[in-house]
Structures are given as structure tokens and as C-alpha cells.
C-alpha atoms as a PDB file:
ATOM      1  CA  MET A   1       0.005   0.258   0.197  1.00  0.00           C
ATOM      2  CA  THR A   2       1.032   3.339  -0.970  1.00  0.00           C
ATOM      3  CA  VAL A   3       0.460   6.502   0.708  1.00  0.00           C
ATOM      4  CA  VAL A   4      -0.090   9.381  -1.210  1.00  0.00           C
ATOM      5  CA  ILE A   5       0.014  12.941   0.427  1.00  0.00           C
ATOM      6  CA  ASN A   6      -1.660  15.860  -1.619  1.00  0.00           C
ATOM      7  CA  MET A   7       0.386  19.173  -0.410  1.00  0.00           C
ATOM      8  CA  ARG A   8      -0.150  20.901  -4.279  1.00  0.00           C
ATOM      9  CA  GLU A   9      -1.431  23.636  -1.963  1.00  0.00           C
ATOM     10  CA  GLY A  10       2.132  23.536   0.254  1.00  0.00           C
ATOM     11  CA  VAL A  11       3.490  22.851   3.176  1.00  0.00           C
ATOM     12  CA  ASP A  12       1.014  21.258   5.803  1.00  0.00           C
ATOM     13  CA  ALA A  13       2.973  20.266   9.186  1.00  0.00           C
ATOM     14  CA  ARG A  14       0.853  17.615  10.028  1.00  0.00           C
ATOM     15  CA  LYS A  15       1.189  16.087   6.416  1.00  0.00           C
ATOM     16  CA  ILE A  16       4.736  16.301   6.861  1.00  0.00           C
ATOM     17  CA  LYS A  17       5.464  15.005  10.349  1.00  0.00           C
ATOM     18  CA  LEU A  18       3.223  11.877   8.816  1.00  0.00           C
ATOM     19  CA  ALA A  19       6.092  11.236   6.095  1.00  0.00           C
ATOM     20  CA  ALA A  20       8.736  12.426   8.214  1.00  0.00           C
ATOM     21  CA  ARG A  21       7.823   9.272  10.267  1.00  0.00           C
ATOM     22  CA  PHE A  22       8.131   6.615   7.420  1.00  0.00           C
ATOM     23  CA  ILE A  23      11.783   8.232   6.572  1.00  0.00           C
ATOM     24  CA  LEU A  24      12.708   7.674  10.290  1.00  0.00           C
ATOM     25  CA  ASN A  25      11.214   3.930  10.575  1.00  0.00           C
ATOM     26  CA  GLY A  26      13.508   3.112   7.472  1.00  0.00           C
ATOM     27  CA  LYS A  27      10.523   3.638   4.824  1.00  0.00           C
ATOM     28  CA  LEU A  28      10.771   5.058   1.621  1.00  0.00           C
ATOM     29  CA  VAL A  29       9.324   8.592   0.786  1.00  0.00           C
ATOM     30  CA  ALA A  30       9.441  10.049  -3.111  1.00  0.00           C
ATOM     31  CA  PHE A  31       8.744  13.509  -2.353  1.00  0.00           C
ATOM     32  CA  PRO A  32       9.604  16.914  -4.683  1.00  0.00           C
ATOM     33  CA  THR A  33      12.822  18.663  -5.148  1.00  0.00           C
ATOM     34  CA  GLU A  34      13.071  22.046  -7.408  1.00  0.00           C
ATOM     35  CA  THR A  35      14.364  19.723  -9.547  1.00  0.00           C
ATOM     36  CA  VAL A  36      12.833  16.328  -9.819  1.00  0.00           C
ATOM     37  CA  TYR A  37      11.086  14.033  -8.070  1.00  0.00           C
ATOM     38  CA  GLY A  38      13.447  12.437  -5.324  1.00  0.00           C
ATOM     39  CA  LEU A  39      13.097   8.712  -3.721  1.00  0.00           C
ATOM     40  CA  GLY A  40      14.351   9.194  -0.138  1.00  0.00           C
ATOM     41  CA  ALA A  41      15.361   7.425   3.068  1.00  0.00           C
ATOM     42  CA  ASP A  42      18.003   8.061   6.135  1.00  0.00           C
ATOM     43  CA  ALA A  43      21.027   8.541   4.515  1.00  0.00           C
ATOM     44  CA  LEU A  44      22.397   6.922   7.456  1.00  0.00           C
ATOM     45  CA  ASN A  45      20.234   3.558   7.680  1.00  0.00           C
ATOM     46  CA  GLU A  46      22.155   1.073   5.117  1.00  0.00           C
ATOM     47  CA  GLU A  47      18.813  -1.266   4.745  1.00  0.00           C
ATOM     48  CA  ALA A  48      16.679   1.954   4.024  1.00  0.00           C
ATOM     49  CA  VAL A  49      19.259   2.962   1.659  1.00  0.00           C
ATOM     50  CA  ARG A  50      19.684  -0.775   0.026  1.00  0.00           C
ATOM     51  CA  ARG A  51      15.954  -0.577  -0.879  1.00  0.00           C
ATOM     52  CA  ILE A  52      16.032   2.567  -2.921  1.00  0.00           C
ATOM     53  CA  PHE A  53      18.786   0.523  -5.032  1.00  0.00           C
ATOM     54  CA  GLU A  54      16.030  -2.471  -5.227  1.00  0.00           C
ATOM     55  CA  VAL A  55      13.118  -0.331  -5.638  1.00  0.00           C
ATOM     56  CA  LYS A  56      14.757   1.943  -8.858  1.00  0.00           C
ATOM     57  CA  GLY A  57      16.809  -0.858 -10.136  1.00  0.00           C
ATOM     58  CA  ARG A  58      19.703   1.219  -9.581  1.00  0.00           C
ATOM     59  CA  PRO A  59      23.382  -0.343  -9.791  1.00  0.00           C
ATOM     60  CA  PRO A  60      25.098  -0.537  -6.554  1.00  0.00           C
ATOM     61  CA  ASP A  61      28.419   1.709  -7.936  1.00  0.00           C
ATOM     62  CA  ASN A  62      26.046   4.638  -8.549  1.00  0.00           C
ATOM     63  CA  PRO A  63      25.830   6.847  -5.789  1.00  0.00           C
ATOM     64  CA  LEU A  64      23.112   9.012  -4.137  1.00  0.00           C
ATOM     65  CA  ILE A  65      23.038  12.197  -3.463  1.00  0.00           C
ATOM     66  CA  VAL A  66      22.409  13.103   0.615  1.00  0.00           C
ATOM     67  CA  HIS A  67      19.806  16.126   0.803  1.00  0.00           C
ATOM     68  CA  ILE A  68      20.083  18.613   3.904  1.00  0.00           C
ATOM     69  CA  SER A  69      17.801  21.002   4.747  1.00  0.00           C
ATOM     70  CA  ARG A  70      21.438  23.259   6.930  1.00  0.00           C
ATOM     71  CA  PHE A  71      24.607  24.298   6.141  1.00  0.00           C
ATOM     72  CA  GLU A  72      25.744  22.642   9.479  1.00  0.00           C
ATOM     73  CA  GLU A  73      24.372  19.314   8.636  1.00  0.00           C
ATOM     74  CA  LEU A  74      27.455  19.140   5.627  1.00  0.00           C
ATOM     75  CA  GLU A  75      30.319  19.300   8.156  1.00  0.00           C
ATOM     76  CA  LYS A  76      28.633  16.207   9.626  1.00  0.00           C
ATOM     77  CA  LEU A  77      28.734  14.071   6.639  1.00  0.00           C
ATOM     78  CA  ALA A  78      32.310  15.541   5.076  1.00  0.00           C
ATOM     79  CA  SER A  79      35.499  14.977   6.872  1.00  0.00           C
ATOM     80  CA  TYR A  80      36.679  18.246   4.862  1.00  0.00           C
ATOM     81  CA  VAL A  81      34.968  21.080   3.585  1.00  0.00           C
ATOM     82  CA  PRO A  82      37.065  22.818   0.976  1.00  0.00           C
ATOM     83  CA  ARG A  83      36.797  27.109   0.871  1.00  0.00           C
ATOM     84  CA  GLU A  84      34.974  27.058  -2.690  1.00  0.00           C
ATOM     85  CA  ALA A  85      32.450  25.034  -1.520  1.00  0.00           C
ATOM     86  CA  ARG A  86      31.375  27.257   1.699  1.00  0.00           C
ATOM     87  CA  ILE A  87      31.905  30.141  -1.083  1.00  0.00           C
ATOM     88  CA  LEU A  88      29.334  28.223  -3.243  1.00  0.00           C
ATOM     89  CA  ALA A  89      26.653  26.969  -0.550  1.00  0.00           C
ATOM     90  CA  GLU A  90      26.753  30.766   0.142  1.00  0.00           C
ATOM     91  CA  ARG A  91      26.186  32.036  -2.993  1.00  0.00           C
ATOM     92  CA  PHE A  92      24.032  28.873  -4.703  1.00  0.00           C
ATOM     93  CA  TRP A  93      22.373  27.134  -1.396  1.00  0.00           C
ATOM     94  CA  PRO A  94      19.509  26.253  -1.194  1.00  0.00           C
ATOM     95  CA  GLY A  95      19.451  25.337  -4.990  1.00  0.00           C
ATOM     96  CA  PRO A  96      20.271  22.868  -7.409  1.00  0.00           C
ATOM     97  CA  LEU A  97      24.030  22.547  -6.914  1.00  0.00           C
ATOM     98  CA  THR A  98      25.369  19.104  -5.734  1.00  0.00           C
ATOM     99  CA  MET A  99      29.350  19.344  -4.586  1.00  0.00           C
ATOM    100  CA  VAL A 100      31.190  16.304  -3.957  1.00  0.00           C
ATOM    101  CA  LEU A 101      33.376  16.240  -1.329  1.00  0.00           C
ATOM    102  CA  PRO A 102      35.438  13.418   0.989  1.00  0.00           C
ATOM    103  CA  LYS A 103      32.847  11.874   3.366  1.00  0.00           C
ATOM    104  CA  LYS A 104      33.255  10.733   7.145  1.00  0.00           C
ATOM    105  CA  GLU A 105      33.358   7.388   8.181  1.00  0.00           C
ATOM    106  CA  GLU A 106      30.293   7.267   9.331  1.00  0.00           C
ATOM    107  CA  MET A 107      28.565   7.677   6.328  1.00  0.00           C
ATOM    108  CA  PRO A 108      27.638   4.537   5.064  1.00  0.00           C
ATOM    109  CA  LEU A 109      29.299   3.013   1.759  1.00  0.00           C
ATOM    110  CA  VAL A 110      25.556   1.870   0.326  1.00  0.00           C
ATOM    111  CA  THR A 111      24.831   5.633   0.174  1.00  0.00           C
ATOM    112  CA  THR A 112      28.030   6.826  -1.488  1.00  0.00           C
ATOM    113  CA  GLY A 113      28.091   3.986  -3.687  1.00  0.00           C
ATOM    114  CA  GLY A 114      31.351   2.506  -2.577  1.00  0.00           C
ATOM    115  CA  LEU A 115      33.474   5.647  -2.676  1.00  0.00           C
ATOM    116  CA  ASP A 116      35.059   7.533  -0.044  1.00  0.00           C
ATOM    117  CA  THR A 117      33.688  10.829  -1.306  1.00  0.00           C
ATOM    118  CA  VAL A 118      29.767  12.051  -0.819  1.00  0.00           C
ATOM    119  CA  ALA A 119      27.453  14.077  -2.861  1.00  0.00           C
ATOM    120  CA  VAL A 120      25.462  16.477  -1.007  1.00  0.00           C
ATOM    121  CA  ARG A 121      23.187  19.443  -1.582  1.00  0.00           C
ATOM    122  CA  MET A 122      20.751  21.480  -0.081  1.00  0.00           C
ATOM    123  CA  PRO A 123      17.250  21.272  -2.163  1.00  0.00           C
ATOM    124  CA  SER A 124      15.243  25.181  -2.070  1.00  0.00           C
ATOM    125  CA  HIS A 125      11.788  23.052  -2.372  1.00  0.00           C
ATOM    126  CA  PRO A 126      10.198  24.067   0.543  1.00  0.00           C
ATOM    127  CA  ILE A 127       7.964  20.524   1.082  1.00  0.00           C
ATOM    128  CA  ALA A 128      11.737  18.949   0.391  1.00  0.00           C
ATOM    129  CA  ARG A 129      13.278  21.151   2.790  1.00  0.00           C
ATOM    130  CA  ALA A 130      10.334  20.900   5.854  1.00  0.00           C
ATOM    131  CA  LEU A 131      11.021  16.910   5.173  1.00  0.00           C
ATOM    132  CA  ILE A 132      14.820  16.857   6.217  1.00  0.00           C
ATOM    133  CA  GLU A 133      14.250  19.566   8.364  1.00  0.00           C
ATOM    134  CA  GLU A 134      11.547  16.964  10.182  1.00  0.00           C
ATOM    135  CA  SER A 135      13.742  13.778  10.047  1.00  0.00           C
ATOM    136  CA  THR A 136      17.136  13.307   8.806  1.00  0.00           C
ATOM    137  CA  PRO A 137      19.945  14.247   5.547  1.00  0.00           C
ATOM    138  CA  ILE A 138      17.737  12.383   3.271  1.00  0.00           C
ATOM    139  CA  ALA A 139      19.791  10.048   0.248  1.00  0.00           C
ATOM    140  CA  ALA A 140      17.626  10.274  -2.926  1.00  0.00           C
ATOM    141  CA  PRO A 141      18.131   9.523  -6.445  1.00  0.00           C
ATOM    142  CA  SER A 142      15.506  10.552  -9.173  1.00  0.00           C
ATOM    143  CA  ALA A 143      12.071   8.766  -8.575  1.00  0.00           C
ATOM    144  CA  ASN A 144      12.164   6.437 -11.497  1.00  0.00           C
ATOM    145  CA  ILE A 145      12.778   3.117 -12.542  1.00  0.00           C
ATOM    146  CA  SER A 146      16.164   2.952 -13.342  1.00  0.00           C
ATOM    147  CA  GLY A 147      17.275   3.931 -16.609  1.00  0.00           C
ATOM    148  CA  LYS A 148      13.846   6.001 -17.414  1.00  0.00           C
ATOM    149  CA  PRO A 149      12.787  10.213 -17.826  1.00  0.00           C
ATOM    150  CA  SER A 150      13.057  11.692 -14.354  1.00  0.00           C
ATOM    151  CA  PRO A 151       9.989  12.532 -13.090  1.00  0.00           C
ATOM    152  CA  THR A 152       8.357  15.790 -13.060  1.00  0.00           C
ATOM    153  CA  LEU A 153       4.654  15.019 -11.559  1.00  0.00           C
ATOM    154  CA  ALA A 154       4.063  12.675  -9.084  1.00  0.00           C
ATOM    155  CA  GLU A 155       1.539  11.071 -11.519  1.00  0.00           C
ATOM    156  CA  HIS A 156       5.112   9.813 -12.896  1.00  0.00           C
ATOM    157  CA  VAL A 157       6.169   8.717  -9.803  1.00  0.00           C
ATOM    158  CA  ILE A 158       2.968   6.720  -9.164  1.00  0.00           C
ATOM    159  CA  ASP A 159       3.346   5.126 -12.626  1.00  0.00           C
ATOM    160  CA  ASP A 160       6.465   3.752 -11.404  1.00  0.00           C
ATOM    161  CA  PHE A 161       6.026   3.164  -8.074  1.00  0.00           C
ATOM    162  CA  TYR A 162       2.818   2.761  -6.769  1.00  0.00           C
ATOM    163  CA  GLY A 163       2.526  -0.344  -4.588  1.00  0.00           C
ATOM    164  CA  LYS A 164       6.075  -0.659  -4.106  1.00  0.00           C
ATOM    165  CA  ILE A 165       7.005   2.150  -1.946  1.00  0.00           C
ATOM    166  CA  GLU A 166       5.618   3.437   1.413  1.00  0.00           C
ATOM    167  CA  CYS A 167       4.295   6.988   0.668  1.00  0.00           C
ATOM    168  CA  ILE A 168       4.393   9.288  -2.178  1.00  0.00           C
ATOM    169  CA  ILE A 169       3.890  13.898  -1.970  1.00  0.00           C
ATOM    170  CA  ASP A 170       2.321  15.237  -4.683  1.00  0.00           C
ATOM    171  CA  GLY A 171       3.521  19.242  -4.368  1.00  0.00           C
ATOM    172  CA  GLY A 172       2.468  19.450  -7.980  1.00  0.00           C
ATOM    173  CA  GLU A 173       5.314  20.284 -11.207  1.00  0.00           C
ATOM    174  CA  THR A 174       8.675  20.816 -10.060  1.00  0.00           C
ATOM    175  CA  ALA A 175       9.728  24.210 -11.274  1.00  0.00           C
ATOM    176  CA  VAL A 176      13.774  23.480 -12.959  1.00  0.00           C
ATOM    177  CA  GLY A 177      12.693  19.816 -14.655  1.00  0.00           C
ATOM    178  CA  VAL A 178      16.444  18.704 -14.767  1.00  0.00           C
ATOM    179  CA  GLU A 179      18.796  17.016 -12.062  1.00  0.00           C
ATOM    180  CA  SER A 180      20.969  19.295  -9.729  1.00  0.00           C
ATOM    181  CA  THR A 181      24.361  20.351 -11.100  1.00  0.00           C
ATOM    182  CA  VAL A 182      27.045  18.158  -9.921  1.00  0.00           C
ATOM    183  CA  VAL A 183      30.828  19.433  -8.652  1.00  0.00           C
ATOM    184  CA  ASP A 184      33.761  17.804  -7.301  1.00  0.00           C
ATOM    185  CA  LEU A 185      35.934  19.630  -4.853  1.00  0.00           C
ATOM    186  CA  THR A 186      37.960  16.897  -4.241  1.00  0.00           C
ATOM    187  CA  SER A 187      40.165  17.671  -6.933  1.00  0.00           C
ATOM    188  CA  GLU A 188      43.110  19.899  -7.131  1.00  0.00           C
ATOM    189  CA  LYS A 189      40.993  21.880  -9.610  1.00  0.00           C
ATOM    190  CA  PRO A 190      36.981  22.191  -9.199  1.00  0.00           C
ATOM    191  CA  VAL A 191      35.208  19.412 -12.050  1.00  0.00           C
ATOM    192  CA  LEU A 192      31.937  19.400 -13.183  1.00  0.00           C
ATOM    193  CA  LEU A 193      30.469  15.912 -13.227  1.00  0.00           C
ATOM    194  CA  ARG A 194      27.060  16.723 -14.386  1.00  0.00           C
ATOM    195  CA  PRO A 195      25.446  19.888 -15.976  1.00  0.00           C
ATOM    196  CA  GLY A 196      22.022  20.527 -14.783  1.00  0.00           C
ATOM    197  CA  GLY A 197      19.711  22.721 -12.597  1.00  0.00           C
ATOM    198  CA  LEU A 198      22.430  25.459 -12.124  1.00  0.00           C
ATOM    199  CA  PRO A 199      24.522  26.402 -15.264  1.00  0.00           C
ATOM    200  CA  LEU A 200      27.998  26.263 -15.518  1.00  0.00           C
ATOM    201  CA  GLU A 201      28.635  29.788 -16.406  1.00  0.00           C
ATOM    202  CA  GLU A 202      27.302  31.176 -13.070  1.00  0.00           C
ATOM    203  CA  LEU A 203      29.258  28.775 -11.066  1.00  0.00           C
ATOM    204  CA  GLU A 204      32.413  30.034 -13.304  1.00  0.00           C
ATOM    205  CA  LYS A 205      31.972  33.593 -12.136  1.00  0.00           C
ATOM    206  CA  VAL A 206      32.004  32.514  -8.104  1.00  0.00           C
ATOM    207  CA  ILE A 207      35.052  30.282  -8.347  1.00  0.00           C
ATOM    208  CA  GLY A 208      36.327  30.831 -11.537  1.00  0.00           C
ATOM    209  CA  GLU A 209      37.328  28.081 -14.366  1.00  0.00           C
ATOM    210  CA  ILE A 210      35.817  24.392 -13.694  1.00  0.00           C
ATOM    211  CA  GLU A 211      36.717  21.379 -15.636  1.00  0.00           C
ATOM    212  CA  ILE A 212      34.264  19.518 -17.358  1.00  0.00           C
ATOM    213  CA  HIS A 213      34.792  15.988 -16.507  1.00  0.00           C
ATOM    214  CA  PRO A 214      34.923  13.624 -20.183  1.00  0.00           C
ATOM    215  CA  ALA A 215      31.708  11.636 -18.834  1.00  0.00           C
ATOM    216  CA  VAL A 216      29.417  14.780 -19.377  1.00  0.00           C
ATOM    217  CA  LYS A 217      30.033  14.906 -23.200  1.00  0.00           C
ATOM    218  CA  GLY A 218      29.910  10.712 -23.462  1.00  0.00           C
ATOM    219  CA  LYS A 219      32.626   9.259 -22.625  1.00  0.00           C
ATOM    220  CA  LEU A 220      32.579   5.905 -20.526  1.00  0.00           C
ATOM    221  CA  THR A 221      33.828   5.787 -17.105  1.00  0.00           C
ATOM    222  CA  ASP A 222      34.623   3.313 -14.812  1.00  0.00           C
ATOM    223  CA  VAL A 223      34.320   4.937 -11.225  1.00  0.00           C
ATOM    224  CA  ALA A 224      31.176   7.223 -11.311  1.00  0.00           C
ATOM    225  CA  LYS A 225      31.415   9.455  -8.441  1.00  0.00           C
ATOM    226  CA  SER A 226      27.960  11.371  -9.161  1.00  0.00           C
ATOM    227  CA  PRO A 227      24.718  10.001 -10.754  1.00  0.00           C
ATOM    228  CA  GLY A 228      24.451  10.337 -14.252  1.00  0.00           C
ATOM    229  CA  MET A 229      28.456   9.092 -15.244  1.00  0.00           C
ATOM    230  CA  LYS A 230      28.249   5.327 -16.145  1.00  0.00           C
ATOM    231  CA  TYR A 231      24.712   4.433 -16.677  1.00  0.00           C
ATOM    232  CA  LYS A 232      22.363   4.745 -19.498  1.00  0.00           C
ATOM    233  CA  HIS A 233      19.799   7.090 -17.952  1.00  0.00           C
ATOM    234  CA  TYR A 234      16.683   8.907 -19.231  1.00  0.00           C
ATOM    235  CA  SER A 235      15.460   6.630 -21.911  1.00  0.00           C
ATOM    236  CA  PRO A 236      11.986   6.400 -23.067  1.00  0.00           C
ATOM    237  CA  ASN A 237      10.778   3.090 -24.298  1.00  0.00           C
ATOM    238  CA  ALA A 238      10.684   4.459 -27.918  1.00  0.00           C
ATOM    239  CA  GLN A 239      13.806   5.059 -29.737  1.00  0.00           C
ATOM    240  CA  VAL A 240      15.284   9.023 -29.351  1.00  0.00           C
ATOM    241  CA  ILE A 241      17.018  10.715 -32.404  1.00  0.00           C
ATOM    242  CA  VAL A 242      18.752  13.604 -31.856  1.00  0.00           C
ATOM    243  CA  VAL A 243      18.721  16.211 -34.675  1.00  0.00           C
ATOM    244  CA  GLU A 244      21.373  18.702 -34.291  1.00  0.00           C
ATOM    245  CA  GLY A 245      22.817  21.866 -36.338  1.00  0.00           C
ATOM    246  CA  LYS A 246      21.652  25.409 -37.748  1.00  0.00           C
ATOM    247  CA  ARG A 247      17.405  25.893 -36.957  1.00  0.00           C
ATOM    248  CA  GLU A 248      16.782  25.692 -39.919  1.00  0.00           C
ATOM    249  CA  ASP A 249      18.873  23.154 -41.352  1.00  0.00           C
ATOM    250  CA  VAL A 250      17.078  21.103 -38.654  1.00  0.00           C
ATOM    251  CA  ARG A 251      13.922  21.700 -39.443  1.00  0.00           C
ATOM    252  CA  ARG A 252      14.145  20.736 -42.650  1.00  0.00           C
ATOM    253  CA  LYS A 253      16.106  17.469 -41.379  1.00  0.00           C
ATOM    254  CA  ILE A 254      13.485  16.594 -39.039  1.00  0.00           C
ATOM    255  CA  GLU A 255      11.037  16.914 -41.790  1.00  0.00           C
ATOM    256  CA  GLU A 256      12.806  14.259 -43.982  1.00  0.00           C
ATOM    257  CA  LEU A 257      12.943  11.857 -40.806  1.00  0.00           C
ATOM    258  CA  VAL A 258       9.035  12.012 -40.237  1.00  0.00           C
ATOM    259  CA  ASP A 259       8.484  11.102 -43.758  1.00  0.00           C
ATOM    260  CA  GLU A 260      11.040   8.444 -43.905  1.00  0.00           C
ATOM    261  CA  TYR A 261      10.033   6.916 -40.933  1.00  0.00           C
ATOM    262  CA  ARG A 262       6.117   6.931 -41.550  1.00  0.00           C
ATOM    263  CA  LYS A 263       6.700   5.572 -44.896  1.00  0.00           C
ATOM    264  CA  GLU A 264       8.075   2.773 -42.863  1.00  0.00           C
ATOM    265  CA  GLY A 265       4.784   2.092 -41.241  1.00  0.00           C
ATOM    266  CA  LEU A 266       6.744   3.409 -37.324  1.00  0.00           C
ATOM    267  CA  ARG A 267       4.729   6.057 -35.495  1.00  0.00           C
ATOM    268  CA  VAL A 268       6.459   9.048 -35.142  1.00  0.00           C
ATOM    269  CA  GLY A 269       6.709  11.436 -32.598  1.00  0.00           C
ATOM    270  CA  VAL A 270       8.235  15.255 -32.598  1.00  0.00           C
ATOM    271  CA  MET A 271       9.890  17.322 -29.117  1.00  0.00           C
ATOM    272  CA  ALA A 272      10.975  20.626 -30.162  1.00  0.00           C
ATOM    273  CA  THR A 273      10.482  24.182 -29.620  1.00  0.00           C
ATOM    274  CA  GLN A 274       8.844  24.862 -33.230  1.00  0.00           C
ATOM    275  CA  GLU A 275       5.551  23.264 -35.084  1.00  0.00           C
ATOM    276  CA  TYR A 276       5.986  19.848 -36.840  1.00  0.00           C
ATOM    277  CA  GLU A 277       3.342  17.785 -38.654  1.00  0.00           C
ATOM    278  CA  ALA A 278       4.189  14.164 -37.248  1.00  0.00           C
ATOM    279  CA  ASP A 279       2.138  11.573 -35.225  1.00  0.00           C
ATOM    280  CA  GLU A 280       2.199  12.662 -32.108  1.00  0.00           C
ATOM    281  CA  PHE A 281       3.686  16.425 -31.501  1.00  0.00           C
ATOM    282  CA  PHE A 282       4.751  17.862 -28.178  1.00  0.00           C
ATOM    283  CA  HIS A 283       5.580  21.824 -28.676  1.00  0.00           C
ATOM    284  CA  LEU A 284       8.510  22.094 -25.283  1.00  0.00           C
ATOM    285  CA  GLY A 285       8.425  25.917 -25.023  1.00  0.00           C
ATOM    286  CA  ARG A 286      10.658  28.889 -26.351  1.00  0.00           C
ATOM    287  CA  SER A 287      12.924  29.096 -23.681  1.00  0.00           C
ATOM    288  CA  GLU A 288      15.725  27.233 -22.325  1.00  0.00           C
ATOM    289  CA  GLU A 289      13.903  27.317 -18.940  1.00  0.00           C
ATOM    290  CA  GLU A 290      10.803  25.676 -20.009  1.00  0.00           C
ATOM    291  CA  VAL A 291      12.465  23.456 -22.329  1.00  0.00           C
ATOM    292  CA  ALA A 292      13.939  22.163 -19.213  1.00  0.00           C
ATOM    293  CA  ARG A 293      10.832  22.074 -17.541  1.00  0.00           C
ATOM    294  CA  ASN A 294       9.279  20.046 -19.824  1.00  0.00           C
ATOM    295  CA  LEU A 295      12.355  17.465 -20.906  1.00  0.00           C
ATOM    296  CA  PHE A 296      10.816  14.375 -19.449  1.00  0.00           C
ATOM    297  CA  LYS A 297       7.390  15.300 -19.184  1.00  0.00           C
ATOM    298  CA  ALA A 298       8.016  15.462 -22.922  1.00  0.00           C
ATOM    299  CA  LEU A 299       9.592  11.841 -23.037  1.00  0.00           C
ATOM    300  CA  ARG A 300       7.229  10.566 -21.111  1.00  0.00           C
ATOM    301  CA  GLU A 301       3.967  11.392 -22.771  1.00  0.00           C
ATOM    302  CA  LEU A 302       5.014  10.500 -26.002  1.00  0.00           C
ATOM    303  CA  ASP A 303       5.976   6.932 -24.648  1.00  0.00           C
ATOM    304  CA  LYS A 304       2.217   7.035 -23.293  1.00  0.00           C
ATOM    305  CA  ARG A 305       0.893   8.236 -26.653  1.00  0.00           C
ATOM    306  CA  GLY A 306       2.129   5.208 -28.207  1.00  0.00           C
ATOM    307  CA  VAL A 307       5.268   6.102 -30.628  1.00  0.00           C
ATOM    308  CA  ASP A 308       8.107   3.879 -31.980  1.00  0.00           C
ATOM    309  CA  ILE A 309      10.461   6.714 -32.330  1.00  0.00           C
ATOM    310  CA  ILE A 310      11.001  10.061 -30.950  1.00  0.00           C
ATOM    311  CA  ILE A 311      12.983  12.589 -33.087  1.00  0.00           C
ATOM    312  CA  ALA A 312      14.186  15.831 -30.482  1.00  0.00           C
ATOM    313  CA  GLU A 313      15.034  18.883 -31.756  1.00  0.00           C
ATOM    314  CA  GLY A 314      18.076  20.043 -30.386  1.00  0.00           C
ATOM    315  CA  ILE A 315      19.125  23.533 -28.693  1.00  0.00           C
ATOM    316  CA  GLU A 316      21.452  25.551 -27.780  1.00  0.00           C
ATOM    317  CA  GLU A 317      24.349  24.652 -25.094  1.00  0.00           C
ATOM    318  CA  ARG A 318      24.286  27.597 -23.040  1.00  0.00           C
ATOM    319  CA  GLY A 319      22.747  28.211 -19.479  1.00  0.00           C
ATOM    320  CA  LEU A 320      20.151  25.464 -19.089  1.00  0.00           C
ATOM    321  CA  GLY A 321      20.749  23.965 -22.792  1.00  0.00           C
ATOM    322  CA  PHE A 322      23.724  22.093 -21.561  1.00  0.00           C
ATOM    323  CA  ALA A 323      21.741  20.565 -19.182  1.00  0.00           C
ATOM    324  CA  VAL A 324      19.085  19.927 -21.749  1.00  0.00           C
ATOM    325  CA  MET A 325      21.258  18.868 -24.426  1.00  0.00           C
ATOM    326  CA  ASN A 326      22.961  16.330 -21.878  1.00  0.00           C
ATOM    327  CA  ARG A 327      19.806  14.076 -20.888  1.00  0.00           C
ATOM    328  CA  LEU A 328      18.945  14.520 -24.670  1.00  0.00           C
ATOM    329  CA  ARG A 329      22.130  13.008 -25.812  1.00  0.00           C
ATOM    330  CA  LYS A 330      21.584   9.957 -22.982  1.00  0.00           C
ATOM    331  CA  ALA A 331      18.251   9.479 -23.723  1.00  0.00           C
ATOM    332  CA  ALA A 332      18.658   8.598 -27.389  1.00  0.00           C
ATOM    333  CA  GLY A 333      22.016   6.778 -26.272  1.00  0.00           C
ATOM    334  CA  TYR A 334      24.106   9.663 -28.714  1.00  0.00           C
ATOM    335  CA  ARG A 335      22.257   8.617 -31.720  1.00  0.00           C
ATOM    336  CA  ILE A 336      22.532  12.183 -33.017  1.00  0.00           C
ATOM    337  CA  VAL A 337      21.752  13.643 -36.796  1.00  0.00           C
ATOM    338  CA  TRP A 338      24.510  16.482 -37.386  1.00  0.00           C
ATOM    339  CA  VAL A 339      23.287  18.638 -40.259  1.00  0.00           C
END
């Protein structure tokens, strides 16, 4: 039995206490953050954290992000907090930024994917903050079956996990739509492990140049210090193809591909910022913020409409566009048509 708690109207202290009780009793709670919905458990409870991996079908060497509500909690989880981490936290927390730091001994290896580092962030969503405040630091990956598109609505979580977890908090649609930006601060120089809801350009304004890990561009890695580095991610059931290039060339190529696939008897969906004729179409919006917010919803919705192929329009890799294109290319398994 899964309890679904409606908190679309905002934080309800009584309902938060109910959800927090599940966390403190070693159960799983899906909850909204500003990025996507998370599947949470007590970060220090090894048995509870193992259930996250089991329910998601997540590989055990894929680390989880620990969510906190106060900066003081970071010093209880990390053995060392460098100056850059304090600067970034002061500027961007609460918000969609995850920092990878050396872990304290008490932090279970199951939570950190067997690594001696811990990924930590302070979400800005009031429901997430209230839930952590009422319980404990919460380990939470995105609340979806491993490898599938992340959830931005409680309905997405219900589709994947109803009857499999104890509690789902429905806080409405998430604001950002892509997961947090992850920066590794355990090396001599900061390294971007995953682009996300906080643009790289904003980080570099504060702490200077940040190296980009090869995994961000699609190169395989043996050790995943952050979610999204090693395994297949964000993929719907339909095959995804991304078309990238100049806007007018992209439009022409997408129209050609729609015609080709339909002649083969396939149902074709298109997700883009401009209108297209196809069996199914999902308008992603005009701005990079709208595209990011609608990205995973589009992948899930087109799947529900029963398309065989999803053709996605590439956007410019600046600001949130960097995170969008990272997710799209992964969803497509790097099936990219350049024009």
C-alpha cells in the first residue's frame, strides 16, 4: 500500500510529520524538489538505502545524493569542507547544486556507491526542506525506474512506484525539470561531473574555471562519482533520435525523418521548440527554462501516446541548454543526426 499525500497547496506541518515518520522508520518516501522528484530514505540507514537501489533497479556503484536542510549538516557528512564549497554554498544554496566532498567514516558506503566521497545538496523546494528538517539528511536519487526519464510530476512517480514504496508526496510540477548540477571539489581543480539546473556559467563567475569531466560529453567512465556518469539514463521505451545543427537545417532534416519513418509504418513523435507535422507532437516551449522544465515530461508523454520513434530538436548548449542536451543525448543513446 502506498500513501499518496496531497501537498499541492504548500507545506502542511501535519502531513510533513506523517511523511517524516516513514523516513525515520526506515521506509521510502518520494518527494518533490525544485529539480525533479526524489526517492528518499534516511541517508545513514544502510537497510533503507539498499531498498532505494532494489526498488529502482539501480546499480550499487551508482552513488546517491544526500539532501540536507542546513549548512551545519554538511560538516557532519563531509570530513573536509574546502573554501570553494563554502563560497558556493553561500551563493547557491539552497538550490540545484550538488557538491562532491570527502566523506566522514560514519557515512555508509552503500549511500556513496562504495566511494570515499559523498555528494551533498540543499534543495530549495519548501516541501523537501520541511521533510528533511523534520527527519534527517535524506539520500535520494530521482524517483524513477533506473534508466527511465526522471519524474517532474507525482503522476510519473505513481506510474513507476505505486504499491512498491510507502509514501509519495504530491507537490505538483517541479520548477526546474532537470536534476542538479554536480561539481567535484575533491580534486586540485573543481570538476563538473553533471550539468544541471544551475548553469556552469554561473558557477564559474564565483569560483573561476571549472574542468568538464569527459563523461559529460559521453565518454564512458569506470568510476561514477556522480549519478549520470556511467549508466544508461533518461531513456523512454521509444527510440530517441536527436537532430542538431543550424535551426533551419534542423527543421528540414526533422521533416525528412518524419516522412521516412512514417513510410516505414512507424508512429513518429516530435518534441521541439517549433511546430511540426507528425503522428504526435510535444511543444517544449520557447526559452531554455521552458525546455528544461518540459523535457522529461515530453519523453514520458510521447511514450504514453504509443510512438515508436521520438525525434528531438537539439538546442543551443548555453545556460540550461547544456543540461538539456546532456540529457537528450543520453536518452538517445548518442544517436545524433548532425546537419
